[in-house]
Amino acid sequence: MKREGNILSAVIRNAWDGRILQVATKNSPAKASNAHISILGDITRDELHSALAQAERSNGFANRFLWLHVERCGPKPFGGKALDWTSEVIGLKSAVDFARKQGRVYMDDNARRMWYRERKGGATLARLALLYALLDSSDNIRSEHLKAAVAFWKYAEDSARLIFGGLTLLMGLS
């Protein structure tokens, strides 16, 4: 992203905000509407502090991510013991099939009351609760989905404090 003319930061912010993604600098411009992007990466704390420019810390780029502090539990040169993911894959496929058929997903009354108490996290908290509801093949967000989202958000909030040394502005945490 440090290369002059790089638009990655703007593209990620636009995707998060639901804007149409377009590249007008190519010979044949590309455009994507209703885009859904996911970014998963790993980096050391020192490398992140070195690579993340102050502009990205303050222009809204960094707060589009859930920062999660993780530590490995020791070297696993062969990946640990073999796992059978068959039932998880079947369950995920079923949840995806269910989600594709859904229109708008609403919060039930209990979840709405909880939302007003737990508004910290804003759009991210709502998106996490929606994911939990859809993974549960539920056509509405219930309090248990919001509770799970709050727990995940709290872990991300604690991680951000650890990673960024208490600077909570990065994730809109005041």
C-alpha atoms as a PDB file:
ATOM      1  CA  MET A   1       0.000   0.000   0.000  1.00  0.00           C
ATOM      2  CA  LYS A   2       2.973   2.319   0.338  1.00  0.00           C
ATOM      3  CA  ARG A   3       3.567   2.379  -3.408  1.00  0.00           C
ATOM      4  CA  GLU A   4       2.623   5.747  -4.934  1.00  0.00           C
ATOM      5  CA  GLY A   5      -0.771   5.625  -6.606  1.00  0.00           C
ATOM      6  CA  ASN A   6      -1.854   2.484  -4.729  1.00  0.00           C
ATOM      7  CA  ILE A   7      -5.626   2.534  -4.164  1.00  0.00           C
ATOM      8  CA  LEU A   8      -5.969  -0.541  -1.925  1.00  0.00           C
ATOM      9  CA  SER A   9      -6.867   1.479   1.163  1.00  0.00           C
ATOM     10  CA  ALA A  10      -9.628   3.342  -0.689  1.00  0.00           C
ATOM     11  CA  VAL A  11     -10.948   0.127  -2.266  1.00  0.00           C
ATOM     12  CA  ILE A  12     -11.185  -1.610   1.119  1.00  0.00           C
ATOM     13  CA  ARG A  13     -12.927   1.398   2.684  1.00  0.00           C
ATOM     14  CA  ASN A  14     -15.367   1.560  -0.265  1.00  0.00           C
ATOM     15  CA  ALA A  15     -16.100  -2.180  -0.073  1.00  0.00           C
ATOM     16  CA  TRP A  16     -16.793  -1.925   3.646  1.00  0.00           C
ATOM     17  CA  ASP A  17     -19.136   1.023   3.066  1.00  0.00           C
ATOM     18  CA  GLY A  18     -21.086  -0.859   0.382  1.00  0.00           C
ATOM     19  CA  ARG A  19     -20.008   1.390  -2.450  1.00  0.00           C
ATOM     20  CA  ILE A  20     -19.522   0.228  -6.029  1.00  0.00           C
ATOM     21  CA  LEU A  21     -15.938  -0.859  -6.591  1.00  0.00           C
ATOM     22  CA  GLN A  22     -14.447   0.322  -9.840  1.00  0.00           C
ATOM     23  CA  VAL A  23     -11.098   0.710 -11.483  1.00  0.00           C
ATOM     24  CA  ALA A  24     -11.137   3.499 -14.033  1.00  0.00           C
ATOM     25  CA  THR A  25      -7.422   3.487 -14.811  1.00  0.00           C
ATOM     26  CA  LYS A  26      -7.471   0.340 -16.919  1.00  0.00           C
ATOM     27  CA  ASN A  27      -8.043   0.212 -20.679  1.00  0.00           C
ATOM     28  CA  SER A  28     -11.318  -1.565 -19.971  1.00  0.00           C
ATOM     29  CA  PRO A  29     -12.698  -0.333 -16.652  1.00  0.00           C
ATOM     30  CA  ALA A  30     -13.858  -2.960 -14.162  1.00  0.00           C
ATOM     31  CA  LYS A  31     -16.824  -2.522 -11.832  1.00  0.00           C
ATOM     32  CA  ALA A  32     -18.302  -4.600  -8.995  1.00  0.00           C
ATOM     33  CA  SER A  33     -21.497  -3.812  -7.133  1.00  0.00           C
ATOM     34  CA  ASN A  34     -22.713  -5.526  -3.973  1.00  0.00           C
ATOM     35  CA  ALA A  35     -19.177  -6.789  -3.465  1.00  0.00           C
ATOM     36  CA  HIS A  36     -18.306  -8.988  -0.519  1.00  0.00           C
ATOM     37  CA  ILE A  37     -14.644  -9.178   0.350  1.00  0.00           C
ATOM     38  CA  SER A  38     -12.747 -11.028   3.025  1.00  0.00           C
ATOM     39  CA  ILE A  39      -9.162 -10.473   4.010  1.00  0.00           C
ATOM     40  CA  LEU A  40      -7.294 -12.818   6.283  1.00  0.00           C
ATOM     41  CA  GLY A  41      -3.666 -12.319   7.085  1.00  0.00           C
ATOM     42  CA  ASP A  42      -1.120 -12.644   9.798  1.00  0.00           C
ATOM     43  CA  ILE A  43       1.590 -10.268  10.857  1.00  0.00           C
ATOM     44  CA  THR A  44       3.710  -9.662  13.926  1.00  0.00           C
ATOM     45  CA  ARG A  45       2.909  -6.697  16.121  1.00  0.00           C
ATOM     46  CA  ASP A  46       6.245  -5.034  15.320  1.00  0.00           C
ATOM     47  CA  GLU A  47       5.775  -5.517  11.568  1.00  0.00           C
ATOM     48  CA  LEU A  48       2.248  -4.105  11.738  1.00  0.00           C
ATOM     49  CA  HIS A  49       3.399  -1.017  13.625  1.00  0.00           C
ATOM     50  CA  SER A  50       6.145  -0.518  11.066  1.00  0.00           C
ATOM     51  CA  ALA A  51       3.985  -1.135   7.982  1.00  0.00           C
ATOM     52  CA  LEU A  52       0.695   0.545   8.937  1.00  0.00           C
ATOM     53  CA  ALA A  53       1.081   4.198   8.075  1.00  0.00           C
ATOM     54  CA  GLN A  54      -0.376   6.869  10.331  1.00  0.00           C
ATOM     55  CA  ALA A  55      -2.815   7.779   7.547  1.00  0.00           C
ATOM     56  CA  GLU A  56      -4.280   4.253   7.566  1.00  0.00           C
ATOM     57  CA  ARG A  57      -4.539   4.418  11.346  1.00  0.00           C
ATOM     58  CA  SER A  58      -6.634   7.568  11.175  1.00  0.00           C
ATOM     59  CA  ASN A  59      -8.453   7.556   7.802  1.00  0.00           C
ATOM     60  CA  GLY A  60     -10.814   4.696   8.579  1.00  0.00           C
ATOM     61  CA  PHE A  61      -8.792   1.951   6.881  1.00  0.00           C
ATOM     62  CA  ALA A  62      -7.674   0.196  10.079  1.00  0.00           C
ATOM     63  CA  ASN A  63     -11.137   0.197  11.620  1.00  0.00           C
ATOM     64  CA  ARG A  64     -12.481  -1.977   8.778  1.00  0.00           C
ATOM     65  CA  PHE A  65     -10.662  -4.946  10.308  1.00  0.00           C
ATOM     66  CA  LEU A  66     -11.208  -7.100  13.345  1.00  0.00           C
ATOM     67  CA  TRP A  67      -7.766  -7.255  14.894  1.00  0.00           C
ATOM     68  CA  LEU A  68      -7.253 -10.562  16.680  1.00  0.00           C
ATOM     69  CA  HIS A  69      -4.259 -11.366  18.828  1.00  0.00           C
ATOM     70  CA  VAL A  70      -3.313 -15.010  18.523  1.00  0.00           C
ATOM     71  CA  GLU A  71      -0.317 -16.996  19.637  1.00  0.00           C
ATOM     72  CA  ARG A  72       0.738 -20.323  18.281  1.00  0.00           C
ATOM     73  CA  CYS A  73       0.717 -23.197  20.728  1.00  0.00           C
ATOM     74  CA  GLY A  74       4.067 -24.545  19.599  1.00  0.00           C
ATOM     75  CA  PRO A  75       5.627 -25.736  16.368  1.00  0.00           C
ATOM     76  CA  LYS A  76       3.488 -28.145  14.346  1.00  0.00           C
ATOM     77  CA  PRO A  77       5.673 -29.065  11.358  1.00  0.00           C
ATOM     78  CA  PHE A  78       3.125 -31.608  10.108  1.00  0.00           C
ATOM     79  CA  GLY A  79      -0.025 -29.687  11.089  1.00  0.00           C
ATOM     80  CA  GLY A  80      -0.917 -31.720  14.174  1.00  0.00           C
ATOM     81  CA  LYS A  81      -3.278 -34.671  14.180  1.00  0.00           C
ATOM     82  CA  ALA A  82      -5.610 -35.273  11.240  1.00  0.00           C
ATOM     83  CA  LEU A  83      -9.075 -33.756  11.590  1.00  0.00           C
ATOM     84  CA  ASP A  84     -12.280 -34.860   9.926  1.00  0.00           C
ATOM     85  CA  TRP A  85     -14.186 -31.728   8.825  1.00  0.00           C
ATOM     86  CA  THR A  86     -16.952 -33.613   6.986  1.00  0.00           C
ATOM     87  CA  SER A  87     -19.820 -32.664   9.303  1.00  0.00           C
ATOM     88  CA  GLU A  88     -18.629 -29.030   9.541  1.00  0.00           C
ATOM     89  CA  VAL A  89     -18.465 -28.747   5.745  1.00  0.00           C
ATOM     90  CA  ILE A  90     -21.963 -30.209   5.402  1.00  0.00           C
ATOM     91  CA  GLY A  91     -23.285 -27.806   8.064  1.00  0.00           C
ATOM     92  CA  LEU A  92     -21.604 -24.819   6.418  1.00  0.00           C
ATOM     93  CA  LYS A  93     -22.984 -25.747   2.999  1.00  0.00           C
ATOM     94  CA  SER A  94     -26.452 -26.039   4.515  1.00  0.00           C
ATOM     95  CA  ALA A  95     -26.088 -22.609   6.176  1.00  0.00           C
ATOM     96  CA  VAL A  96     -24.882 -21.043   2.902  1.00  0.00           C
ATOM     97  CA  ASP A  97     -27.834 -22.561   1.021  1.00  0.00           C
ATOM     98  CA  PHE A  98     -30.188 -21.184   3.680  1.00  0.00           C
ATOM     99  CA  ALA A  99     -28.549 -17.721   3.615  1.00  0.00           C
ATOM    100  CA  ARG A 100     -28.840 -17.468  -0.173  1.00  0.00           C
ATOM    101  CA  LYS A 101     -32.634 -17.767   0.112  1.00  0.00           C
ATOM    102  CA  GLN A 102     -32.987 -15.066   2.754  1.00  0.00           C
ATOM    103  CA  GLY A 103     -34.108 -11.549   2.112  1.00  0.00           C
ATOM    104  CA  ARG A 104     -33.754  -9.078   4.896  1.00  0.00           C
ATOM    105  CA  VAL A 105     -32.962 -10.558   8.312  1.00  0.00           C
ATOM    106  CA  TYR A 106     -34.410  -8.716  11.315  1.00  0.00           C
ATOM    107  CA  MET A 107     -33.533  -8.701  14.994  1.00  0.00           C
ATOM    108  CA  ASP A 108     -36.192 -10.088  17.297  1.00  0.00           C
ATOM    109  CA  ASP A 109     -37.418  -7.924  20.193  1.00  0.00           C
ATOM    110  CA  ASN A 110     -35.025  -9.400  22.774  1.00  0.00           C
ATOM    111  CA  ALA A 111     -32.051  -8.877  20.475  1.00  0.00           C
ATOM    112  CA  ARG A 112     -33.172  -5.291  19.768  1.00  0.00           C
ATOM    113  CA  ARG A 113     -33.290  -4.501  23.480  1.00  0.00           C
ATOM    114  CA  MET A 114     -29.856  -6.041  23.916  1.00  0.00           C
ATOM    115  CA  TRP A 115     -28.583  -4.092  20.887  1.00  0.00           C
ATOM    116  CA  TYR A 116     -29.481  -0.786  22.509  1.00  0.00           C
ATOM    117  CA  ARG A 117     -27.489  -1.786  25.585  1.00  0.00           C
ATOM    118  CA  GLU A 118     -24.517  -3.133  23.549  1.00  0.00           C
ATOM    119  CA  ARG A 119     -24.265  -0.556  20.751  1.00  0.00           C
ATOM    120  CA  LYS A 120     -20.503  -0.578  21.015  1.00  0.00           C
ATOM    121  CA  GLY A 121     -19.200  -2.131  17.815  1.00  0.00           C
ATOM    122  CA  GLY A 122     -21.831  -0.662  15.507  1.00  0.00           C
ATOM    123  CA  ALA A 123     -21.944  -2.140  12.029  1.00  0.00           C
ATOM    124  CA  THR A 124     -19.367  -4.791  12.831  1.00  0.00           C
ATOM    125  CA  LEU A 125     -21.411  -6.105  15.740  1.00  0.00           C
ATOM    126  CA  ALA A 126     -24.531  -6.241  13.552  1.00  0.00           C
ATOM    127  CA  ARG A 127     -22.632  -8.084  10.805  1.00  0.00           C
ATOM    128  CA  LEU A 128     -21.242 -10.610  13.271  1.00  0.00           C
ATOM    129  CA  ALA A 129     -24.693 -11.212  14.773  1.00  0.00           C
ATOM    130  CA  LEU A 130     -26.073 -11.683  11.260  1.00  0.00           C
ATOM    131  CA  LEU A 131     -23.365 -14.250  10.493  1.00  0.00           C
ATOM    132  CA  TYR A 132     -24.166 -16.166  13.679  1.00  0.00           C
ATOM    133  CA  ALA A 133     -27.885 -16.109  12.824  1.00  0.00           C
ATOM    134  CA  LEU A 134     -27.303 -17.360   9.277  1.00  0.00           C
ATOM    135  CA  LEU A 135     -24.893 -20.052  10.457  1.00  0.00           C
ATOM    136  CA  ASP A 136     -27.696 -21.118  12.779  1.00  0.00           C
ATOM    137  CA  SER A 137     -30.110 -21.122   9.779  1.00  0.00           C
ATOM    138  CA  SER A 138     -32.255 -18.559  11.560  1.00  0.00           C
ATOM    139  CA  ASP A 139     -34.353 -16.053   9.654  1.00  0.00           C
ATOM    140  CA  ASN A 140     -33.897 -13.485  12.410  1.00  0.00           C
ATOM    141  CA  ILE A 141     -31.154 -12.402  14.775  1.00  0.00           C
ATOM    142  CA  ARG A 142     -31.893 -13.608  18.286  1.00  0.00           C
ATOM    143  CA  SER A 143     -30.249 -12.600  21.547  1.00  0.00           C
ATOM    144  CA  GLU A 144     -27.967 -15.673  21.510  1.00  0.00           C
ATOM    145  CA  HIS A 145     -26.582 -14.551  18.132  1.00  0.00           C
ATOM    146  CA  LEU A 146     -25.986 -11.065  19.470  1.00  0.00           C
ATOM    147  CA  LYS A 147     -24.379 -12.476  22.643  1.00  0.00           C
ATOM    148  CA  ALA A 148     -21.956 -14.485  20.512  1.00  0.00           C
ATOM    149  CA  ALA A 149     -21.201 -11.387  18.435  1.00  0.00           C
ATOM    150  CA  VAL A 150     -20.588  -9.322  21.587  1.00  0.00           C
ATOM    151  CA  ALA A 151     -18.165 -11.954  22.908  1.00  0.00           C
ATOM    152  CA  PHE A 152     -16.272 -11.995  19.608  1.00  0.00           C
ATOM    153  CA  TRP A 153     -16.238  -8.182  19.513  1.00  0.00           C
ATOM    154  CA  LYS A 154     -14.904  -8.034  23.081  1.00  0.00           C
ATOM    155  CA  TYR A 155     -12.068 -10.362  22.113  1.00  0.00           C
ATOM    156  CA  ALA A 156     -11.291  -8.172  19.084  1.00  0.00           C
ATOM    157  CA  GLU A 157     -11.460  -5.045  21.255  1.00  0.00           C
ATOM    158  CA  ASP A 158      -9.081  -6.541  23.822  1.00  0.00           C
ATOM    159  CA  SER A 159      -6.791  -7.673  20.995  1.00  0.00           C
ATOM    160  CA  ALA A 160      -6.725  -4.184  19.479  1.00  0.00           C
ATOM    161  CA  ARG A 161      -5.769  -2.704  22.836  1.00  0.00           C
ATOM    162  CA  LEU A 162      -2.944  -5.211  23.138  1.00  0.00           C
ATOM    163  CA  ILE A 163      -1.765  -4.813  19.540  1.00  0.00           C
ATOM    164  CA  PHE A 164      -1.966  -1.037  19.410  1.00  0.00           C
ATOM    165  CA  GLY A 165      -0.980  -0.297  22.977  1.00  0.00           C
ATOM    166  CA  GLY A 166      -4.317   0.928  24.258  1.00  0.00           C
ATOM    167  CA  LEU A 167      -5.193   3.070  21.234  1.00  0.00           C
ATOM    168  CA  THR A 168      -8.840   2.221  20.844  1.00  0.00           C
ATOM    169  CA  LEU A 169      -9.618   4.874  18.235  1.00  0.00           C
ATOM    170  CA  LEU A 170      -8.454   2.421  15.571  1.00  0.00           C
ATOM    171  CA  MET A 171     -11.625   0.379  15.897  1.00  0.00           C
ATOM    172  CA  GLY A 172     -14.004   3.152  16.840  1.00  0.00           C
ATOM    173  CA  LEU A 173     -13.878   2.014  20.450  1.00  0.00           C
ATOM    174  CA  SER A 174     -14.395   4.924  22.729  1.00  0.00           C
END
